[in-house]
Amino acid sequence: MPVLSTKNAIEKRVDRLTELWNEFAENAEARILRWVIDADSMRLVHGFLQMQQTDASDLPDMILRIDDPMTADQPYGITLRQSLIEQYERDRKGMGEAGISNEWQAPAMRPGDADVVAAVSTLRSMRNYHSDMLRHVAVALLPAKVTSSTDWANWLQSLLKLELPPNVRWLVIDVAETPLLDELAKAGPVRVVTQEPKLNLPGAYNELLNDLPMSGPGAVFRKHFMNLLTAASAKNFGAAQVAADAAERVASANHWPQMQIVTGMALGAAAIAVGNIDAALAVYRQAHQVAAASTDDPVAQKLGIQSRFAEASVLIGEQEYEQAAKVYLDIVPLAEKHADQFSLLESWRMAAYCYEQAKQYEPAWNSGVKALDVGDAMKPEARETSTLPYVGQGLLRLALRRPYAEHKQSIRERMEKLLGPNWEEKLSTGTDAS
């Protein structure tokens, strides 16, 4: 029987990014890391940055994510400096409670300093204050919007021209399909390190399959699973189901719960593609049952959480809001068990949304408050990449109703404390049931 990895395909790719970061961080001459990746792999970068805000990170660096837009309203370096100060202020109390010195104050800007100089000086000061516990202070620059690609490239060129401190590092992303920073790399071939991780997100399934033996049952499972994917891409659900049944039998006989769950997830997606909702729900529920029975396999249990989210999403599409809410609530103890704050926040948030759609306003309100409590317990950097703004939006929507109107101001105050006064600007258009 093969010994399957304790990490799934996504986690392995995030580990690869960690290795690449360390390679860059240990290069004494380097200052700016440029990752050239395909657009599909951006969520893996987000996962890497999220991990740095958790206890799972073993990097001796503080990597701060800055996604404030680059606009014409003020120089980008000033925006960057303000965001760094705000992040530190939000985290100051938690640092003190953890016994970490937290008295750092940003240096005043000197008259006549360029905006890029002000940003670098702020980071240098922060790193010097925490030099006893950090190798580097680093900034991942992921502006949500830029005034123009030329302005963005020019700002980075101005950064490169400075005498950058060795323990202040920068991470920028270039999309492989439309690279913008080739000239930056050419201008600083020593200080700008270009890495092409080639994460191949669509290959995640194949990586899972590679944990199996290349002969015997592993080869048989691989053949059936690839047949499943081929049939699914052709929207031939009958053939996909035959292949999935064959793959599941092999996985079950060899006690490979991860493979059973992945098979179910793939078949569920194939069912949705052809509008077979009943079949999708059935396979997602079966995947959850497999995960629940796999108490000695943490990866299988994590995959089971994803099968529950998929099931609930299907129920929302069918407007079965009360059933969907119950599924989201079932995720809560699973997320707590695995200390998965993002899934925990999302399960409470979506339960609130579903109860609201079902016109069950009391459980909707209670679930929304629970989600807000989860957000309160998150590290500030983790909140910035979470769906917490939608929690506030949902609660304020409920506060339009008389029983909850008295809480409207307190909800606004909590949201501003957690995400800043402009938290509503983080909301995108469209439904919050994403």
Protein backbone atom coordinates (compact mmCIF):
# COMPACT_ATOMS: atom_id res chain seq x y z
CA MET A 1 0.00 0.00 0.00
CA PRO A 2 1.52 3.40 -0.94
CA VAL A 3 2.25 5.94 1.74
CA LEU A 4 0.47 9.05 0.51
CA SER A 5 1.95 12.46 1.23
CA THR A 6 0.60 14.33 4.24
CA LYS A 7 0.40 17.42 2.02
CA ASN A 8 -1.88 17.87 -0.94
CA ALA A 9 -0.90 19.21 -4.34
CA ILE A 10 -1.67 22.82 -3.46
CA GLU A 11 0.32 22.70 -0.22
CA LYS A 12 3.30 21.25 -2.06
CA ARG A 13 3.25 24.13 -4.51
CA VAL A 14 3.11 26.64 -1.68
CA ASP A 15 6.10 24.86 -0.15
CA ARG A 16 7.89 25.32 -3.48
CA LEU A 17 7.32 29.06 -3.28
CA THR A 18 8.70 29.01 0.26
CA GLU A 19 11.86 27.28 -1.00
CA LEU A 20 12.27 29.83 -3.77
CA TRP A 21 11.80 32.70 -1.33
CA ASN A 22 14.47 31.27 0.96
CA GLU A 23 16.85 30.93 -1.98
CA PHE A 24 16.34 34.62 -2.74
CA ALA A 25 16.46 35.71 0.91
CA GLU A 26 19.83 34.02 1.44
CA ASN A 27 21.33 35.87 -1.54
CA ALA A 28 23.20 38.76 0.09
CA GLU A 29 23.25 40.83 -3.13
CA ALA A 30 19.57 40.46 -3.99
CA ARG A 31 16.91 43.02 -3.12
CA ILE A 32 13.89 42.48 -5.38
CA LEU A 33 12.36 39.09 -6.17
CA ARG A 34 10.38 38.92 -9.38
CA TRP A 35 8.13 35.89 -9.77
CA VAL A 36 7.01 35.24 -13.33
CA ILE A 37 3.93 33.02 -13.15
CA ASP A 38 0.88 32.24 -15.23
CA ALA A 39 -2.35 33.96 -14.29
CA ASP A 40 -3.94 30.72 -13.01
CA SER A 41 -1.27 30.42 -10.34
CA MET A 42 -1.90 33.76 -8.64
CA ARG A 43 -4.01 32.12 -5.95
CA LEU A 44 -0.98 30.03 -4.99
CA VAL A 45 0.96 33.24 -4.37
CA HIS A 46 -1.93 34.43 -2.20
CA GLY A 47 -1.76 31.11 -0.34
CA PHE A 48 1.98 31.53 0.23
CA LEU A 49 1.45 35.04 1.61
CA GLN A 50 -1.45 33.92 3.79
CA MET A 51 0.68 31.15 5.27
CA GLN A 52 3.27 33.72 6.36
CA GLN A 53 0.66 35.18 8.72
CA THR A 54 0.12 31.85 10.49
CA ASP A 55 2.06 29.66 12.88
CA ALA A 56 2.63 27.25 9.96
CA SER A 57 5.30 29.57 8.55
CA ASP A 58 8.87 28.78 9.49
CA LEU A 59 10.44 31.72 7.65
CA PRO A 60 12.51 34.12 9.80
CA ASP A 61 11.10 36.99 7.74
CA MET A 62 8.15 39.32 8.08
CA ILE A 63 6.46 39.47 4.67
CA LEU A 64 3.83 42.20 4.48
CA ARG A 65 1.33 42.13 1.64
CA ILE A 66 0.40 45.52 0.19
CA ASP A 67 -2.48 45.53 -2.27
CA ASP A 68 -3.44 49.21 -2.02
CA PRO A 69 -4.04 50.64 -5.50
CA MET A 70 -1.55 52.83 -7.28
CA THR A 71 -3.61 55.89 -8.20
CA ALA A 72 -3.10 59.47 -9.34
CA ASP A 73 -4.36 60.78 -5.98
CA GLN A 74 -0.98 60.50 -4.24
CA PRO A 75 2.50 59.06 -4.89
CA TYR A 76 2.59 55.29 -4.53
CA GLY A 77 5.42 55.39 -2.00
CA ILE A 78 3.25 57.47 0.34
CA THR A 79 0.38 55.00 -0.08
CA LEU A 80 2.79 52.17 0.71
CA ARG A 81 4.17 53.96 3.77
CA GLN A 82 0.69 54.65 5.14
CA SER A 83 -0.39 51.06 4.63
CA LEU A 84 2.68 49.76 6.47
CA ILE A 85 1.99 52.04 9.44
CA GLU A 86 -1.69 51.07 9.53
CA GLN A 87 -0.86 47.35 9.46
CA TYR A 88 1.56 47.78 12.33
CA GLU A 89 -1.00 49.75 14.36
CA ARG A 90 -3.62 47.04 13.87
CA ASP A 91 -1.14 44.39 15.01
CA ARG A 92 0.39 46.36 17.88
CA LYS A 93 -1.91 45.03 20.60
CA GLY A 94 -1.54 41.40 19.53
CA MET A 95 2.24 41.73 19.48
CA GLY A 96 2.23 43.05 23.01
CA GLU A 97 0.01 40.22 24.22
CA ALA A 98 2.42 37.74 22.61
CA GLY A 99 5.34 39.29 24.47
CA ILE A 100 6.83 40.93 21.36
CA SER A 101 8.21 44.43 21.69
CA ASN A 102 5.74 46.73 19.94
CA GLU A 103 6.90 50.31 20.53
CA TRP A 104 8.10 50.98 17.00
CA GLN A 105 7.08 54.32 15.54
CA ALA A 106 7.54 55.26 11.91
CA PRO A 107 10.18 57.92 11.34
CA ALA A 108 8.95 61.32 10.22
CA MET A 109 9.27 62.06 6.54
CA ARG A 110 12.09 64.43 5.75
CA PRO A 111 11.24 67.51 3.67
CA GLY A 112 12.10 66.99 0.06
CA ASP A 113 12.32 63.19 0.25
CA ALA A 114 10.85 61.37 -2.73
CA ASP A 115 7.93 59.08 -1.98
CA VAL A 116 10.00 55.98 -2.72
CA VAL A 117 12.65 57.14 -0.24
CA ALA A 118 9.99 57.60 2.45
CA ALA A 119 8.74 54.05 1.91
CA VAL A 120 12.24 52.55 2.09
CA SER A 121 13.12 54.57 5.21
CA THR A 122 9.97 53.32 6.95
CA LEU A 123 10.81 49.71 6.19
CA ARG A 124 14.45 50.14 7.23
CA SER A 125 13.33 51.58 10.55
CA MET A 126 10.85 48.77 11.14
CA ARG A 127 13.44 46.10 10.42
CA ASN A 128 16.07 47.76 12.62
CA TYR A 129 13.61 47.86 15.52
CA HIS A 130 12.91 44.11 15.18
CA SER A 131 16.42 43.06 14.14
CA ASP A 132 16.73 40.64 17.06
CA MET A 133 13.90 38.47 15.76
CA LEU A 134 13.82 38.96 11.98
CA ARG A 135 16.14 38.17 9.11
CA HIS A 136 14.33 40.50 6.72
CA VAL A 137 11.32 42.75 6.57
CA ALA A 138 9.81 42.23 3.15
CA VAL A 139 6.96 43.71 1.18
CA ALA A 140 4.91 41.87 -1.42
CA LEU A 141 3.65 44.53 -3.80
CA LEU A 142 0.34 43.43 -5.33
CA PRO A 143 -1.47 46.67 -6.14
CA ALA A 144 -5.13 46.00 -6.86
CA LYS A 145 -5.01 48.69 -9.53
CA VAL A 146 -2.30 50.81 -11.13
CA THR A 147 -2.55 54.16 -12.89
CA SER A 148 -0.74 52.65 -15.85
CA SER A 149 1.67 49.82 -16.48
CA THR A 150 4.30 52.41 -17.45
CA ASP A 151 3.91 54.27 -14.14
CA TRP A 152 4.21 50.98 -12.25
CA ALA A 153 7.37 49.95 -14.06
CA ASN A 154 8.86 53.44 -13.62
CA TRP A 155 8.17 53.42 -9.87
CA LEU A 156 9.98 50.11 -9.50
CA GLN A 157 12.87 51.47 -11.55
CA SER A 158 13.12 54.40 -9.13
CA LEU A 159 13.15 51.92 -6.25
CA LEU A 160 15.97 49.95 -7.86
CA LYS A 161 18.11 53.07 -8.23
CA LEU A 162 18.22 53.58 -4.43
CA GLU A 163 20.82 52.14 -2.08
CA LEU A 164 18.44 49.51 -0.76
CA PRO A 165 19.14 48.03 2.69
CA PRO A 166 20.21 44.36 2.58
CA ASN A 167 17.58 43.29 5.12
CA VAL A 168 14.65 44.99 3.39
CA ARG A 169 13.35 42.87 0.52
CA TRP A 170 10.65 43.26 -2.12
CA LEU A 171 8.46 40.81 -4.00
CA VAL A 172 6.75 41.67 -7.29
CA ILE A 173 4.70 39.52 -9.62
CA ASP A 174 4.91 39.47 -13.40
CA VAL A 175 2.22 37.59 -15.30
CA ALA A 176 3.89 35.25 -17.76
CA GLU A 177 1.31 35.89 -20.47
CA THR A 178 1.86 39.68 -20.37
CA PRO A 179 5.17 40.47 -18.59
CA LEU A 180 5.76 44.12 -17.72
CA LEU A 181 9.03 44.04 -15.81
CA ASP A 182 11.59 42.61 -18.23
CA GLU A 183 13.38 45.97 -18.35
CA LEU A 184 13.55 46.09 -14.54
CA ALA A 185 15.27 42.70 -14.52
CA LYS A 186 17.73 43.81 -17.21
CA ALA A 187 18.52 47.06 -15.33
CA GLY A 188 19.48 45.19 -12.15
CA PRO A 189 20.60 41.68 -13.04
CA VAL A 190 22.22 41.19 -9.63
CA ARG A 191 19.78 42.94 -7.31
CA VAL A 192 16.66 41.79 -9.19
CA VAL A 193 16.26 38.02 -9.03
CA THR A 194 13.82 36.55 -11.54
CA GLN A 195 12.33 33.16 -10.75
CA GLU A 196 9.84 31.23 -12.86
CA PRO A 197 8.23 28.78 -10.43
CA LYS A 198 6.21 27.01 -13.18
CA LEU A 199 3.60 25.99 -10.63
CA ASN A 200 1.31 24.32 -13.19
CA LEU A 201 -1.86 24.54 -11.14
CA PRO A 202 -3.85 22.46 -13.65
CA GLY A 203 -1.35 19.69 -12.99
CA ALA A 204 -2.41 19.36 -9.35
CA TYR A 205 -4.47 16.29 -10.12
CA ASN A 206 -1.54 14.62 -11.79
CA GLU A 207 0.63 15.35 -8.77
CA LEU A 208 -1.86 13.58 -6.55
CA LEU A 209 -1.78 10.65 -8.91
CA ASN A 210 2.01 10.57 -8.80
CA ASP A 211 1.84 9.58 -5.13
CA LEU A 212 0.55 6.23 -6.36
CA PRO A 213 2.69 3.38 -7.66
CA MET A 214 3.35 3.48 -11.40
CA SER A 215 2.34 -0.17 -11.65
CA GLY A 216 -0.31 -2.39 -10.12
CA PRO A 217 -3.35 -0.71 -8.52
CA GLY A 218 -1.80 2.75 -8.79
CA ALA A 219 -1.51 2.48 -12.55
CA VAL A 220 -5.06 1.13 -12.83
CA PHE A 221 -6.44 3.99 -10.75
CA ARG A 222 -4.50 6.53 -12.79
CA LYS A 223 -5.95 5.15 -16.04
CA HIS A 224 -9.53 5.34 -14.76
CA PHE A 225 -9.05 8.80 -13.31
CA MET A 226 -7.61 10.20 -16.53
CA ASN A 227 -10.57 8.65 -18.37
CA LEU A 228 -12.82 10.51 -15.93
CA LEU A 229 -11.15 13.84 -16.68
CA THR A 230 -11.28 13.21 -20.43
CA ALA A 231 -14.98 12.35 -20.32
CA ALA A 232 -15.72 15.33 -18.09
CA SER A 233 -14.00 17.74 -20.48
CA ALA A 234 -16.17 16.33 -23.29
CA LYS A 235 -19.30 16.68 -21.07
CA ASN A 236 -19.98 12.97 -21.43
CA PHE A 237 -21.31 12.40 -17.95
CA GLY A 238 -22.21 8.75 -18.53
CA ALA A 239 -18.63 7.88 -19.44
CA ALA A 240 -17.34 10.04 -16.59
CA GLN A 241 -19.49 8.15 -14.11
CA VAL A 242 -18.30 4.76 -15.39
CA ALA A 243 -14.66 5.88 -15.07
CA ALA A 244 -15.26 7.38 -11.62
CA ASP A 245 -16.91 4.20 -10.35
CA ALA A 246 -13.94 2.16 -11.56
CA ALA A 247 -11.44 4.58 -10.01
CA GLU A 248 -13.35 4.65 -6.72
CA ARG A 249 -13.37 0.85 -6.49
CA VAL A 250 -9.60 0.74 -6.85
CA ALA A 251 -9.11 3.52 -4.29
CA SER A 252 -11.49 1.93 -1.81
CA ALA A 253 -9.94 -1.53 -2.14
CA ASN A 254 -6.48 -0.07 -1.47
CA HIS A 255 -7.57 2.24 1.36
CA TRP A 256 -6.72 5.49 -0.44
CA PRO A 257 -9.30 7.94 0.97
CA GLN A 258 -7.61 10.96 -0.61
CA MET A 259 -8.07 9.42 -4.04
CA GLN A 260 -11.69 8.52 -3.30
CA ILE A 261 -12.45 12.13 -2.36
CA VAL A 262 -10.62 13.62 -5.34
CA THR A 263 -12.53 11.25 -7.63
CA GLY A 264 -15.81 12.40 -6.12
CA MET A 265 -14.88 16.06 -6.49
CA ALA A 266 -13.99 15.56 -10.15
CA LEU A 267 -17.20 13.67 -10.85
CA GLY A 268 -19.23 16.31 -9.01
CA ALA A 269 -17.79 19.02 -11.24
CA ALA A 270 -18.64 16.90 -14.30
CA ALA A 271 -22.22 16.50 -13.06
CA ILE A 272 -22.64 20.24 -12.55
CA ALA A 273 -21.30 20.92 -16.04
CA VAL A 274 -24.20 18.94 -17.54
CA GLY A 275 -26.81 20.16 -15.06
CA ASN A 276 -27.15 16.88 -13.12
CA ILE A 277 -27.56 18.45 -9.70
CA ASP A 278 -28.76 15.32 -7.89
CA ALA A 279 -25.67 13.40 -8.99
CA ALA A 280 -23.38 16.26 -7.92
CA LEU A 281 -24.91 16.39 -4.46
CA ALA A 282 -24.69 12.62 -4.09
CA VAL A 283 -20.98 12.41 -4.92
CA TYR A 284 -20.07 15.42 -2.77
CA ARG A 285 -21.88 13.85 0.18
CA GLN A 286 -20.17 10.53 -0.41
CA ALA A 287 -16.80 12.31 -0.47
CA HIS A 288 -17.62 13.90 2.87
CA GLN A 289 -18.49 10.50 4.35
CA VAL A 290 -15.16 9.10 3.22
CA ALA A 291 -13.35 12.05 4.80
CA ALA A 292 -15.28 11.73 8.05
CA ALA A 293 -14.28 8.07 8.32
CA SER A 294 -10.60 8.85 7.65
CA THR A 295 -9.72 10.06 11.12
CA ASP A 296 -6.04 9.13 10.70
CA ASP A 297 -5.62 11.05 7.42
CA PRO A 298 -5.53 14.85 7.92
CA VAL A 299 -5.23 15.54 4.19
CA ALA A 300 -8.36 13.51 3.48
CA GLN A 301 -10.19 15.44 6.17
CA LYS A 302 -9.12 18.77 4.67
CA LEU A 303 -10.30 17.61 1.26
CA GLY A 304 -13.56 16.67 2.92
CA ILE A 305 -14.04 20.27 3.99
CA GLN A 306 -13.79 21.31 0.35
CA SER A 307 -16.41 18.71 -0.61
CA ARG A 308 -18.79 20.24 1.92
CA PHE A 309 -18.23 23.72 0.52
CA ALA A 310 -18.92 22.33 -2.96
CA GLU A 311 -22.14 20.69 -1.74
CA ALA A 312 -23.34 23.91 -0.12
CA SER A 313 -22.55 25.88 -3.26
CA VAL A 314 -24.75 23.54 -5.31
CA LEU A 315 -27.58 23.97 -2.80
CA ILE A 316 -27.31 27.75 -3.08
CA GLY A 317 -27.59 27.44 -6.85
CA GLU A 318 -30.81 25.50 -6.31
CA GLN A 319 -32.02 28.15 -3.83
CA GLU A 320 -32.12 25.53 -1.07
CA TYR A 321 -30.82 28.10 1.36
CA GLU A 322 -31.81 26.46 4.63
CA GLN A 323 -30.16 23.18 3.65
CA ALA A 324 -27.05 25.03 2.51
CA ALA A 325 -26.88 26.88 5.84
CA LYS A 326 -26.91 23.58 7.72
CA VAL A 327 -24.04 22.28 5.59
CA TYR A 328 -21.99 25.41 6.32
CA LEU A 329 -22.63 24.96 10.04
CA ASP A 330 -21.44 21.37 9.75
CA ILE A 331 -18.13 22.72 8.44
CA VAL A 332 -17.56 24.80 11.60
CA PRO A 333 -16.24 21.99 13.87
CA LEU A 334 -14.13 20.59 11.02
CA ALA A 335 -12.49 23.95 10.43
CA GLU A 336 -11.93 24.41 14.16
CA LYS A 337 -10.31 20.98 14.42
CA HIS A 338 -7.78 21.87 11.72
CA ALA A 339 -7.30 25.48 12.92
CA ASP A 340 -8.44 26.63 9.47
CA GLN A 341 -9.51 30.19 10.16
CA PHE A 342 -10.36 31.01 6.56
CA SER A 343 -12.76 28.07 6.27
CA LEU A 344 -14.15 28.88 9.70
CA LEU A 345 -14.84 32.48 8.73
CA GLU A 346 -16.34 31.41 5.42
CA SER A 347 -18.62 28.78 6.95
CA TRP A 348 -20.13 31.24 9.45
CA ARG A 349 -20.36 33.98 6.81
CA MET A 350 -22.13 31.80 4.28
CA ALA A 351 -24.45 30.33 6.90
CA ALA A 352 -25.50 33.91 7.68
CA TYR A 353 -26.03 34.65 3.99
CA CYS A 354 -28.14 31.51 3.47
CA TYR A 355 -30.30 32.10 6.55
CA GLU A 356 -30.87 35.66 5.39
CA GLN A 357 -32.02 34.42 1.97
CA ALA A 358 -34.33 31.96 3.75
CA LYS A 359 -35.75 34.91 5.74
CA GLN A 360 -34.58 33.35 9.02
CA TYR A 361 -33.11 36.54 10.36
CA GLU A 362 -32.22 35.53 13.92
CA PRO A 363 -29.86 32.66 12.94
CA ALA A 364 -28.59 34.87 10.11
CA TRP A 365 -27.64 37.58 12.59
CA ASN A 366 -26.12 35.13 15.07
CA SER A 367 -24.04 33.44 12.36
CA GLY A 368 -22.83 36.80 11.06
CA VAL A 369 -21.71 37.84 14.54
CA LYS A 370 -19.86 34.53 14.88
CA ALA A 371 -18.07 35.25 11.60
CA LEU A 372 -17.11 38.69 12.87
CA ASP A 373 -15.70 37.11 16.03
CA VAL A 374 -13.54 34.82 13.87
CA GLY A 375 -12.28 37.85 11.97
CA ASP A 376 -11.47 39.53 15.27
CA ALA A 377 -9.28 36.56 16.25
CA MET A 378 -7.36 36.58 12.95
CA LYS A 379 -3.99 38.20 12.52
CA PRO A 380 -4.35 41.60 10.84
CA GLU A 381 -2.58 40.49 7.68
CA ALA A 382 -4.87 37.46 7.37
CA ARG A 383 -7.96 39.66 7.63
CA GLU A 384 -6.77 41.69 4.67
CA THR A 385 -7.02 38.67 2.36
CA SER A 386 -10.21 37.24 3.84
CA THR A 387 -13.89 37.74 3.06
CA LEU A 388 -14.39 39.71 6.27
CA PRO A 389 -15.65 42.84 4.42
CA TYR A 390 -18.63 40.80 3.24
CA VAL A 391 -19.37 39.82 6.82
CA GLY A 392 -19.71 43.49 7.70
CA GLN A 393 -21.80 44.14 4.61
CA GLY A 394 -24.20 41.32 5.53
CA LEU A 395 -24.57 42.44 9.13
CA LEU A 396 -25.27 46.03 8.09
CA ARG A 397 -27.87 44.75 5.66
CA LEU A 398 -29.54 42.86 8.50
CA ALA A 399 -29.25 45.95 10.70
CA LEU A 400 -31.77 47.64 8.42
CA ARG A 401 -34.33 45.49 10.23
CA ARG A 402 -35.75 46.73 13.48
CA PRO A 403 -34.50 44.01 15.86
CA TYR A 404 -30.88 44.71 14.86
CA ALA A 405 -30.93 48.43 14.01
CA GLU A 406 -29.51 49.36 17.41
CA HIS A 407 -26.32 47.43 16.56
CA LYS A 408 -25.62 49.26 13.30
CA GLN A 409 -23.12 51.70 14.77
CA SER A 410 -21.31 49.08 16.82
CA ILE A 411 -20.90 46.87 13.73
CA ARG A 412 -19.42 49.78 11.80
CA GLU A 413 -17.04 50.51 14.66
CA ARG A 414 -15.87 46.89 14.83
CA MET A 415 -15.34 46.72 11.08
CA GLU A 416 -13.34 49.94 11.09
CA LYS A 417 -11.23 48.64 13.96
CA LEU A 418 -10.52 45.40 12.11
CA LEU A 419 -10.06 46.66 8.56
CA GLY A 420 -9.77 50.43 8.75
CA PRO A 421 -12.20 53.25 7.94
CA ASN A 422 -12.26 52.44 4.22
CA TRP A 423 -13.13 48.77 4.64
CA GLU A 424 -16.18 49.02 2.36
CA GLU A 425 -13.92 49.89 -0.54
CA LYS A 426 -12.63 46.31 -0.38
CA LEU A 427 -16.03 45.04 -1.49
CA SER A 428 -16.33 44.09 -5.13
CA THR A 429 -19.50 44.45 -7.08
CA GLY A 430 -22.00 41.63 -7.29
CA THR A 431 -23.21 39.07 -4.79
CA ASP A 432 -21.33 38.37 -1.62
CA ALA A 433 -22.14 34.67 -1.88
CA SER A 434 -18.85 33.84 -3.54
